[in-house]
């Protein structure tokens, strides 16, 4: 599977956003629950 530079940056950004929201969720949820 060959990715172009644009696709690669999009995948990295998408992955980074997922990790970021997971970290925010795991950091905030224990405070309220």
Protein backbone atom coordinates (compact mmCIF):
# COMPACT_ATOMS: atom_id res chain seq x y z
CA UNK A 1 0.00 0.00 0.00
CA UNK A 2 1.71 3.16 -1.22
CA UNK A 3 0.66 6.41 0.39
CA UNK A 4 1.24 9.84 -1.03
CA UNK A 5 2.71 12.52 1.23
CA UNK A 6 -0.74 14.11 1.58
CA UNK A 7 -2.39 10.81 2.55
CA UNK A 8 0.39 10.04 5.02
CA UNK A 9 0.03 13.40 6.77
CA UNK A 10 -3.76 12.94 6.87
CA UNK A 11 -3.39 9.49 8.44
CA UNK A 12 -0.92 10.83 11.01
CA UNK A 13 -3.18 13.76 11.84
CA UNK A 14 -6.20 11.46 12.16
CA UNK A 15 -4.25 9.07 14.42
CA UNK A 16 -2.96 11.97 16.50
CA UNK A 17 -6.47 13.37 16.95
CA UNK A 18 -7.74 9.96 18.08
CA UNK A 19 -4.93 9.58 20.62
CA UNK A 20 -5.49 13.14 21.83
CA UNK A 21 -9.22 12.63 22.42
CA UNK A 22 -8.59 9.29 24.16
CA UNK A 23 -6.04 10.93 26.47
CA UNK A 24 -8.42 13.81 27.23
CA UNK A 25 -11.24 11.35 27.93
CA UNK A 26 -9.14 9.16 30.24
CA UNK A 27 -7.77 12.26 31.99
CA UNK A 28 -11.16 13.95 32.54
CA UNK A 29 -13.55 11.04 33.14
CA UNK A 30 -12.01 9.87 36.48
CA UNK A 31 -12.39 13.41 37.85
CA UNK A 32 -16.16 13.40 37.39
CA UNK A 33 -16.86 9.69 37.92
